Each structure stands twice: as structure tokens, then as C-alpha cells.
């Protein structure tokens, strides 16, 4: 019986001190959400997993998330980040579990036909523009099957920037032209009519992960948006 007692004490010691096998499992972030300590720890842990995610973009997205959370817009502590300042040949979409500071997805995502070719440089909130929108969005509760297959609608939260997203049918969906094979063949992804399309293999698991009121942060260094967004103030 003594050997079992010693073994239990040994395992308990390592679990308390954070050493040993228990340290390999994801642990929830313990700092209060929104505190500077929370932001610093989230940033450090996320960038360690995704060094292709710009540190400044990540911090802006966390700031937007905190503002959204204060408004009661956060259901599940998930954040989707799209960095439209990167070319479509790069994996510029990340989905992060903020509860455990874990990167769940990092994949290719398209921009709109009239936003640019390899690089997106122009964005719009206008129906029929065939351009992507930037800013802060929230996902709707239920996916649906439409002309582009399994899809998920977005609600734009920023007046004049993206609040026509629902009316414009800006949705996450799968597309054959949003794959690494397309990049290797053409040097860029194909373009959508404004939707953030991902590969057909990725669409369903990604949509099922981020559905039901989770935040989406679509970044571009647009001075008007960065200077006036209520989600980035303060």
C-alpha cells in the first residue's frame, strides 16, 4: 500500500507545480478576461502557436473582443481573425479558443472579386459591390445549405463599415478555388463575391466551430475604420 501512497504523492506534486505530464494538457487562462495580464498571456500563447499572425493585429482583435464581450456579444470565447493585409496566397484566417489560448484553425480565405487580385485593397459595405467588408462581425446561430453549400451568415456590427453584411449575404462557405492547390497553380486564391470562402474540406468543421454568436475580426489598415471603430476605442 505504501508504494501507491508514494505514487499518489508524486503525481500530486507534479500536478500542483505544473511540471510533468499534467503540463501538456491545455489549461484555461486564469487572469480576468480583459485585463492587461490576460491580453499579454493570450498574445504570447497564441503567437507561439501561430507565428504567421501579426502581433499587432492579434492585439487589435483582442481589444475588439473585449469591447464586444462588455456588450454581451460573446457566447463561447471564440474569436475568428482575418488579416486582409496579407495576400490570398497566405493562410490569413485563424480561429482561436480564448478560454484555452489555443489556435483551432489557420487556413486560406478568399476576398471579394472587386476588392483586388492577389492583394485586397478595396472594401465596401454596399450591396452589389462584390467587395469584402472589414470590421467586427458576429456569427449567426444556425448554418444553412444554400447555393454555395453549407454556409453561415455574418452580422456586421459597425454602422457604415459592415452593417449591410447580412443583407449582402456575406457568409462563410466552402469553395473549390480556396485551396492550397489553387495557390500552387495560380499563385493566389480565386475570388468570391465578397464572402470569406474557405476550402470545401474546411468549411463544415470551421462553421460548426464558430457558429452561434462568436466574434469575427476582419482586419485591414484602413485609417477611417481604425480611428473611429467603437470596438477599438480606448
C-alpha atoms as a PDB file:
ATOM      1  CA  UNK A   1       0.000   0.000   0.000  1.00  0.00           C
ATOM      2  CA  UNK A   2       2.906   2.369   0.696  1.00  0.00           C
ATOM      3  CA  UNK A   3       4.020   2.324  -2.914  1.00  0.00           C
ATOM      4  CA  UNK A   4       0.595   3.543  -4.008  1.00  0.00           C
ATOM      5  CA  UNK A   5       0.703   6.278  -1.415  1.00  0.00           C
ATOM      6  CA  UNK A   6       4.122   7.429  -2.664  1.00  0.00           C
ATOM      7  CA  UNK A   7       2.957   7.303  -6.265  1.00  0.00           C
ATOM      8  CA  UNK A   8      -0.105   9.413  -5.466  1.00  0.00           C
ATOM      9  CA  UNK A   9       2.049  11.980  -3.639  1.00  0.00           C
ATOM     10  CA  UNK A  10       4.467  12.076  -6.579  1.00  0.00           C
ATOM     11  CA  UNK A  11       1.715  12.741  -9.127  1.00  0.00           C
ATOM     12  CA  UNK A  12       0.047  15.317  -6.872  1.00  0.00           C
ATOM     13  CA  UNK A  13       3.339  17.193  -6.519  1.00  0.00           C
ATOM     14  CA  UNK A  14       3.831  17.460 -10.266  1.00  0.00           C
ATOM     15  CA  UNK A  15       0.223  18.466 -10.926  1.00  0.00           C
ATOM     16  CA  UNK A  16       0.455  21.291  -8.375  1.00  0.00           C
ATOM     17  CA  UNK A  17       3.834  22.580  -9.501  1.00  0.00           C
ATOM     18  CA  UNK A  18       2.956  22.443 -13.199  1.00  0.00           C
ATOM     19  CA  UNK A  19       5.748  20.014 -14.047  1.00  0.00           C
ATOM     20  CA  UNK A  20       5.469  16.610 -15.626  1.00  0.00           C
ATOM     21  CA  UNK A  21       2.744  15.122 -17.796  1.00  0.00           C
ATOM     22  CA  UNK A  22      -0.063  17.301 -16.464  1.00  0.00           C
ATOM     23  CA  UNK A  23       1.583  20.333 -18.020  1.00  0.00           C
ATOM     24  CA  UNK A  24       0.971  19.019 -21.536  1.00  0.00           C
ATOM     25  CA  UNK A  25      -2.784  19.492 -21.305  1.00  0.00           C
ATOM     26  CA  UNK A  26      -4.390  22.806 -22.256  1.00  0.00           C
ATOM     27  CA  UNK A  27      -5.241  24.917 -19.246  1.00  0.00           C
ATOM     28  CA  UNK A  28      -7.788  27.702 -19.046  1.00  0.00           C
ATOM     29  CA  UNK A  29      -6.459  31.243 -18.824  1.00  0.00           C
ATOM     30  CA  UNK A  30      -6.862  32.248 -15.172  1.00  0.00           C
ATOM     31  CA  UNK A  31      -6.376  36.018 -15.452  1.00  0.00           C
ATOM     32  CA  UNK A  32      -9.584  38.104 -15.577  1.00  0.00           C
ATOM     33  CA  UNK A  33     -10.772  38.435 -19.166  1.00  0.00           C
ATOM     34  CA  UNK A  34      -9.937  41.896 -20.463  1.00  0.00           C
ATOM     35  CA  UNK A  35      -7.146  42.639 -18.020  1.00  0.00           C
ATOM     36  CA  UNK A  36      -3.716  43.593 -19.338  1.00  0.00           C
ATOM     37  CA  UNK A  37      -2.335  40.365 -17.882  1.00  0.00           C
ATOM     38  CA  UNK A  38      -4.973  38.427 -19.826  1.00  0.00           C
ATOM     39  CA  UNK A  39      -4.116  40.222 -23.083  1.00  0.00           C
ATOM     40  CA  UNK A  40      -0.391  39.673 -22.588  1.00  0.00           C
ATOM     41  CA  UNK A  41      -0.786  35.988 -21.810  1.00  0.00           C
ATOM     42  CA  UNK A  42      -3.250  35.363 -24.662  1.00  0.00           C
ATOM     43  CA  UNK A  43      -0.947  37.135 -27.107  1.00  0.00           C
ATOM     44  CA  UNK A  44       2.110  35.192 -26.010  1.00  0.00           C
ATOM     45  CA  UNK A  45       0.443  31.778 -26.111  1.00  0.00           C
ATOM     46  CA  UNK A  46      -1.372  32.370 -29.402  1.00  0.00           C
ATOM     47  CA  UNK A  47       1.679  33.770 -31.203  1.00  0.00           C
ATOM     48  CA  UNK A  48       3.689  30.761 -30.018  1.00  0.00           C
ATOM     49  CA  UNK A  49       1.274  28.581 -31.997  1.00  0.00           C
ATOM     50  CA  UNK A  50       0.751  30.925 -34.945  1.00  0.00           C
ATOM     51  CA  UNK A  51       3.867  32.941 -35.721  1.00  0.00           C
ATOM     52  CA  UNK A  52       2.311  33.991 -39.043  1.00  0.00           C
ATOM     53  CA  UNK A  53      -0.287  36.044 -37.138  1.00  0.00           C
ATOM     54  CA  UNK A  54       0.906  39.636 -36.827  1.00  0.00           C
ATOM     55  CA  UNK A  55       1.257  40.563 -33.151  1.00  0.00           C
ATOM     56  CA  UNK A  56      -0.346  43.996 -33.620  1.00  0.00           C
ATOM     57  CA  UNK A  57      -3.325  42.530 -35.486  1.00  0.00           C
ATOM     58  CA  UNK A  58      -3.763  39.987 -32.707  1.00  0.00           C
ATOM     59  CA  UNK A  59      -3.768  42.703 -30.033  1.00  0.00           C
ATOM     60  CA  UNK A  60      -6.301  44.765 -32.002  1.00  0.00           C
ATOM     61  CA  UNK A  61      -8.525  41.707 -32.350  1.00  0.00           C
ATOM     62  CA  UNK A  62      -8.321  41.043 -28.598  1.00  0.00           C
ATOM     63  CA  UNK A  63      -9.228  44.673 -27.895  1.00  0.00           C
ATOM     64  CA  UNK A  64     -12.259  44.355 -30.184  1.00  0.00           C
ATOM     65  CA  UNK A  65     -13.205  41.110 -28.465  1.00  0.00           C
ATOM     66  CA  UNK A  66     -13.082  42.739 -25.025  1.00  0.00           C
ATOM     67  CA  UNK A  67     -15.379  45.577 -26.181  1.00  0.00           C
ATOM     68  CA  UNK A  68     -17.775  43.046 -27.710  1.00  0.00           C
ATOM     69  CA  UNK A  69     -17.765  40.959 -24.542  1.00  0.00           C
ATOM     70  CA  UNK A  70     -18.728  44.018 -22.486  1.00  0.00           C
ATOM     71  CA  UNK A  71     -21.753  44.387 -24.766  1.00  0.00           C
ATOM     72  CA  UNK A  72     -22.814  40.795 -24.134  1.00  0.00           C
ATOM     73  CA  UNK A  73     -21.915  39.649 -27.642  1.00  0.00           C
ATOM     74  CA  UNK A  74     -19.665  36.790 -26.612  1.00  0.00           C
ATOM     75  CA  UNK A  75     -21.197  33.355 -26.243  1.00  0.00           C
ATOM     76  CA  UNK A  76     -18.301  30.921 -26.288  1.00  0.00           C
ATOM     77  CA  UNK A  77     -14.951  32.742 -26.012  1.00  0.00           C
ATOM     78  CA  UNK A  78     -14.064  32.040 -29.634  1.00  0.00           C
ATOM     79  CA  UNK A  79     -12.508  34.595 -31.972  1.00  0.00           C
ATOM     80  CA  UNK A  80     -12.007  34.376 -35.729  1.00  0.00           C
ATOM     81  CA  UNK A  81      -9.317  36.659 -37.144  1.00  0.00           C
ATOM     82  CA  UNK A  82      -8.932  37.500 -40.837  1.00  0.00           C
ATOM     83  CA  UNK A  83      -5.968  39.622 -41.908  1.00  0.00           C
ATOM     84  CA  UNK A  84      -6.780  41.098 -45.313  1.00  0.00           C
ATOM     85  CA  UNK A  85      -3.461  42.959 -45.359  1.00  0.00           C
ATOM     86  CA  UNK A  86      -1.896  39.603 -46.260  1.00  0.00           C
ATOM     87  CA  UNK A  87      -2.121  38.175 -49.770  1.00  0.00           C
ATOM     88  CA  UNK A  88      -4.603  35.428 -50.570  1.00  0.00           C
ATOM     89  CA  UNK A  89      -1.626  33.105 -51.127  1.00  0.00           C
ATOM     90  CA  UNK A  90      -1.085  33.101 -47.345  1.00  0.00           C
ATOM     91  CA  UNK A  91      -3.052  31.358 -44.618  1.00  0.00           C
ATOM     92  CA  UNK A  92      -4.627  34.518 -43.251  1.00  0.00           C
ATOM     93  CA  UNK A  93      -7.557  33.197 -41.196  1.00  0.00           C
ATOM     94  CA  UNK A  94      -7.228  31.951 -37.621  1.00  0.00           C
ATOM     95  CA  UNK A  95      -9.833  30.654 -35.179  1.00  0.00           C
ATOM     96  CA  UNK A  96      -8.763  30.937 -31.552  1.00  0.00           C
ATOM     97  CA  UNK A  97     -10.234  29.384 -28.424  1.00  0.00           C
ATOM     98  CA  UNK A  98      -9.649  32.247 -25.991  1.00  0.00           C
ATOM     99  CA  UNK A  99     -10.571  30.156 -22.988  1.00  0.00           C
ATOM    100  CA  UNK A 100      -7.539  27.960 -23.531  1.00  0.00           C
ATOM    101  CA  UNK A 101      -5.451  30.244 -25.752  1.00  0.00           C
ATOM    102  CA  UNK A 102      -5.469  27.562 -28.422  1.00  0.00           C
ATOM    103  CA  UNK A 103      -5.383  28.049 -32.205  1.00  0.00           C
ATOM    104  CA  UNK A 104      -8.057  25.785 -33.685  1.00  0.00           C
ATOM    105  CA  UNK A 105      -7.732  26.720 -37.373  1.00  0.00           C
ATOM    106  CA  UNK A 106      -5.239  28.515 -39.591  1.00  0.00           C
ATOM    107  CA  UNK A 107      -6.261  28.400 -43.215  1.00  0.00           C
ATOM    108  CA  UNK A 108      -6.719  30.192 -46.533  1.00  0.00           C
ATOM    109  CA  UNK A 109      -9.646  32.568 -47.020  1.00  0.00           C
ATOM    110  CA  UNK A 110     -10.794  34.488 -50.080  1.00  0.00           C
ATOM    111  CA  UNK A 111     -11.621  38.132 -50.614  1.00  0.00           C
ATOM    112  CA  UNK A 112     -14.155  39.696 -52.947  1.00  0.00           C
ATOM    113  CA  UNK A 113     -13.761  39.892 -56.710  1.00  0.00           C
ATOM    114  CA  UNK A 114     -13.676  43.682 -56.721  1.00  0.00           C
ATOM    115  CA  UNK A 115     -11.507  44.021 -53.608  1.00  0.00           C
ATOM    116  CA  UNK A 116      -8.337  43.204 -55.519  1.00  0.00           C
ATOM    117  CA  UNK A 117      -6.455  40.365 -57.152  1.00  0.00           C
ATOM    118  CA  UNK A 118      -3.777  38.673 -55.068  1.00  0.00           C
ATOM    119  CA  UNK A 119      -3.950  41.524 -52.552  1.00  0.00           C
ATOM    120  CA  UNK A 120      -7.183  43.060 -51.275  1.00  0.00           C
ATOM    121  CA  UNK A 121      -7.008  46.843 -51.283  1.00  0.00           C
ATOM    122  CA  UNK A 122     -10.631  48.000 -51.515  1.00  0.00           C
ATOM    123  CA  UNK A 123     -13.552  47.202 -49.231  1.00  0.00           C
ATOM    124  CA  UNK A 124     -17.222  48.084 -49.206  1.00  0.00           C
ATOM    125  CA  UNK A 125     -20.468  47.899 -47.279  1.00  0.00           C
ATOM    126  CA  UNK A 126     -22.599  48.365 -50.395  1.00  0.00           C
ATOM    127  CA  UNK A 127     -24.856  45.652 -51.854  1.00  0.00           C
ATOM    128  CA  UNK A 128     -23.716  44.559 -55.295  1.00  0.00           C
ATOM    129  CA  UNK A 129     -20.170  45.823 -54.818  1.00  0.00           C
ATOM    130  CA  UNK A 130     -18.655  42.300 -54.898  1.00  0.00           C
ATOM    131  CA  UNK A 131     -16.154  43.537 -52.312  1.00  0.00           C
ATOM    132  CA  UNK A 132     -15.206  42.195 -48.902  1.00  0.00           C
ATOM    133  CA  UNK A 133     -16.056  44.066 -45.718  1.00  0.00           C
ATOM    134  CA  UNK A 134     -13.758  44.719 -42.785  1.00  0.00           C
ATOM    135  CA  UNK A 135     -14.519  45.281 -39.114  1.00  0.00           C
ATOM    136  CA  UNK A 136     -16.191  43.312 -36.340  1.00  0.00           C
ATOM    137  CA  UNK A 137     -18.922  40.764 -37.025  1.00  0.00           C
ATOM    138  CA  UNK A 138     -20.832  38.167 -35.046  1.00  0.00           C
ATOM    139  CA  UNK A 139     -21.843  34.798 -36.441  1.00  0.00           C
ATOM    140  CA  UNK A 140     -25.464  33.718 -36.587  1.00  0.00           C
ATOM    141  CA  UNK A 141     -26.794  30.765 -34.648  1.00  0.00           C
ATOM    142  CA  UNK A 142     -27.685  28.268 -37.357  1.00  0.00           C
ATOM    143  CA  UNK A 143     -25.815  27.305 -40.529  1.00  0.00           C
ATOM    144  CA  UNK A 144     -27.846  26.678 -43.681  1.00  0.00           C
ATOM    145  CA  UNK A 145     -27.393  24.970 -47.029  1.00  0.00           C
ATOM    146  CA  UNK A 146     -27.540  27.387 -49.947  1.00  0.00           C
ATOM    147  CA  UNK A 147     -26.117  27.862 -53.414  1.00  0.00           C
ATOM    148  CA  UNK A 148     -22.589  27.530 -52.025  1.00  0.00           C
ATOM    149  CA  UNK A 149     -23.364  24.523 -49.845  1.00  0.00           C
ATOM    150  CA  UNK A 150     -23.009  24.553 -46.067  1.00  0.00           C
ATOM    151  CA  UNK A 151     -22.864  28.231 -45.066  1.00  0.00           C
ATOM    152  CA  UNK A 152     -23.001  30.575 -42.081  1.00  0.00           C
ATOM    153  CA  UNK A 153     -24.282  34.153 -42.141  1.00  0.00           C
ATOM    154  CA  UNK A 154     -22.493  37.085 -40.542  1.00  0.00           C
ATOM    155  CA  UNK A 155     -23.985  40.123 -38.840  1.00  0.00           C
ATOM    156  CA  UNK A 156     -21.899  43.263 -39.247  1.00  0.00           C
ATOM    157  CA  UNK A 157     -21.695  45.274 -36.019  1.00  0.00           C
ATOM    158  CA  UNK A 158     -20.204  48.519 -37.334  1.00  0.00           C
ATOM    159  CA  UNK A 159     -22.512  51.130 -38.918  1.00  0.00           C
ATOM    160  CA  UNK A 160     -21.324  52.282 -42.312  1.00  0.00           C
ATOM    161  CA  UNK A 161     -18.500  49.740 -42.300  1.00  0.00           C
ATOM    162  CA  UNK A 162     -20.130  46.314 -42.423  1.00  0.00           C
ATOM    163  CA  UNK A 163     -23.708  46.581 -41.127  1.00  0.00           C
ATOM    164  CA  UNK A 164     -25.097  45.545 -44.529  1.00  0.00           C
ATOM    165  CA  UNK A 165     -23.317  42.183 -44.333  1.00  0.00           C
ATOM    166  CA  UNK A 166     -26.484  40.186 -43.653  1.00  0.00           C
ATOM    167  CA  UNK A 167     -28.386  41.926 -46.447  1.00  0.00           C
ATOM    168  CA  UNK A 168     -25.426  41.390 -48.786  1.00  0.00           C
ATOM    169  CA  UNK A 169     -25.340  37.651 -47.990  1.00  0.00           C
ATOM    170  CA  UNK A 170     -21.778  37.863 -46.698  1.00  0.00           C
ATOM    171  CA  UNK A 171     -21.325  34.319 -45.396  1.00  0.00           C
ATOM    172  CA  UNK A 172     -18.695  31.731 -44.610  1.00  0.00           C
ATOM    173  CA  UNK A 173     -18.891  28.942 -47.194  1.00  0.00           C
ATOM    174  CA  UNK A 174     -16.716  26.425 -48.955  1.00  0.00           C
ATOM    175  CA  UNK A 175     -15.243  26.959 -52.421  1.00  0.00           C
ATOM    176  CA  UNK A 176     -13.139  24.835 -54.752  1.00  0.00           C
ATOM    177  CA  UNK A 177     -10.947  27.885 -55.504  1.00  0.00           C
ATOM    178  CA  UNK A 178      -9.969  28.475 -51.852  1.00  0.00           C
ATOM    179  CA  UNK A 179      -7.329  25.764 -51.505  1.00  0.00           C
ATOM    180  CA  UNK A 180      -3.586  25.390 -51.278  1.00  0.00           C
ATOM    181  CA  UNK A 181      -3.694  23.627 -54.664  1.00  0.00           C
ATOM    182  CA  UNK A 182      -5.165  26.782 -56.205  1.00  0.00           C
ATOM    183  CA  UNK A 183      -2.353  28.857 -54.698  1.00  0.00           C
ATOM    184  CA  UNK A 184       0.281  26.465 -56.002  1.00  0.00           C
ATOM    185  CA  UNK A 185      -1.203  26.549 -59.502  1.00  0.00           C
ATOM    186  CA  UNK A 186      -2.102  30.246 -59.841  1.00  0.00           C
ATOM    187  CA  UNK A 187      -0.125  31.981 -57.091  1.00  0.00           C
ATOM    188  CA  UNK A 188      -3.330  33.178 -55.406  1.00  0.00           C
ATOM    189  CA  UNK A 189      -6.818  32.064 -54.452  1.00  0.00           C
ATOM    190  CA  UNK A 190      -9.851  32.570 -56.601  1.00  0.00           C
ATOM    191  CA  UNK A 191     -12.166  35.388 -55.552  1.00  0.00           C
ATOM    192  CA  UNK A 192     -15.682  35.370 -54.157  1.00  0.00           C
ATOM    193  CA  UNK A 193     -18.498  37.914 -54.427  1.00  0.00           C
ATOM    194  CA  UNK A 194     -17.442  39.339 -51.085  1.00  0.00           C
ATOM    195  CA  UNK A 195     -17.698  36.262 -48.860  1.00  0.00           C
ATOM    196  CA  UNK A 196     -14.865  34.842 -46.749  1.00  0.00           C
ATOM    197  CA  UNK A 197     -14.791  31.477 -48.514  1.00  0.00           C
ATOM    198  CA  UNK A 198     -12.563  28.636 -47.305  1.00  0.00           C
ATOM    199  CA  UNK A 199     -11.802  25.236 -48.805  1.00  0.00           C
ATOM    200  CA  UNK A 200     -14.703  22.829 -49.117  1.00  0.00           C
ATOM    201  CA  UNK A 201     -12.975  20.389 -46.741  1.00  0.00           C
ATOM    202  CA  UNK A 202     -12.573  23.101 -44.108  1.00  0.00           C
ATOM    203  CA  UNK A 203     -15.977  24.768 -44.382  1.00  0.00           C
ATOM    204  CA  UNK A 204     -18.144  22.426 -42.318  1.00  0.00           C
ATOM    205  CA  UNK A 205     -15.792  21.900 -39.346  1.00  0.00           C
ATOM    206  CA  UNK A 206     -14.944  25.606 -39.257  1.00  0.00           C
ATOM    207  CA  UNK A 207     -18.585  26.704 -39.466  1.00  0.00           C
ATOM    208  CA  UNK A 208     -19.668  24.218 -36.803  1.00  0.00           C
ATOM    209  CA  UNK A 209     -16.916  25.583 -34.538  1.00  0.00           C
ATOM    210  CA  UNK A 210     -17.682  29.298 -34.895  1.00  0.00           C
ATOM    211  CA  UNK A 211     -21.486  29.313 -35.234  1.00  0.00           C
ATOM    212  CA  UNK A 212     -23.808  30.716 -32.552  1.00  0.00           C
ATOM    213  CA  UNK A 213     -22.686  34.246 -31.669  1.00  0.00           C
ATOM    214  CA  UNK A 214     -18.893  34.202 -31.870  1.00  0.00           C
ATOM    215  CA  UNK A 215     -16.797  37.185 -32.904  1.00  0.00           C
ATOM    216  CA  UNK A 216     -15.126  37.666 -36.286  1.00  0.00           C
ATOM    217  CA  UNK A 217     -12.466  40.360 -36.673  1.00  0.00           C
ATOM    218  CA  UNK A 218     -11.610  41.218 -40.300  1.00  0.00           C
ATOM    219  CA  UNK A 219      -8.555  43.471 -40.394  1.00  0.00           C
ATOM    220  CA  UNK A 220      -7.157  45.899 -42.921  1.00  0.00           C
ATOM    221  CA  UNK A 221      -5.113  49.028 -42.083  1.00  0.00           C
ATOM    222  CA  UNK A 222      -7.931  51.380 -43.049  1.00  0.00           C
ATOM    223  CA  UNK A 223      -7.383  54.677 -41.221  1.00  0.00           C
ATOM    224  CA  UNK A 224     -11.038  55.686 -41.070  1.00  0.00           C
ATOM    225  CA  UNK A 225     -12.084  52.391 -39.530  1.00  0.00           C
ATOM    226  CA  UNK A 226      -9.123  52.140 -37.148  1.00  0.00           C
ATOM    227  CA  UNK A 227      -9.648  55.710 -35.986  1.00  0.00           C
ATOM    228  CA  UNK A 228     -13.413  55.548 -35.461  1.00  0.00           C
ATOM    229  CA  UNK A 229     -14.371  51.978 -34.590  1.00  0.00           C
ATOM    230  CA  UNK A 230     -16.105  51.813 -31.212  1.00  0.00           C
ATOM    231  CA  UNK A 231     -14.641  48.317 -30.803  1.00  0.00           C
ATOM    232  CA  UNK A 232     -11.090  49.678 -30.901  1.00  0.00           C
ATOM    233  CA  UNK A 233     -11.517  52.835 -28.836  1.00  0.00           C
ATOM    234  CA  UNK A 234      -9.699  53.261 -25.553  1.00  0.00           C
END
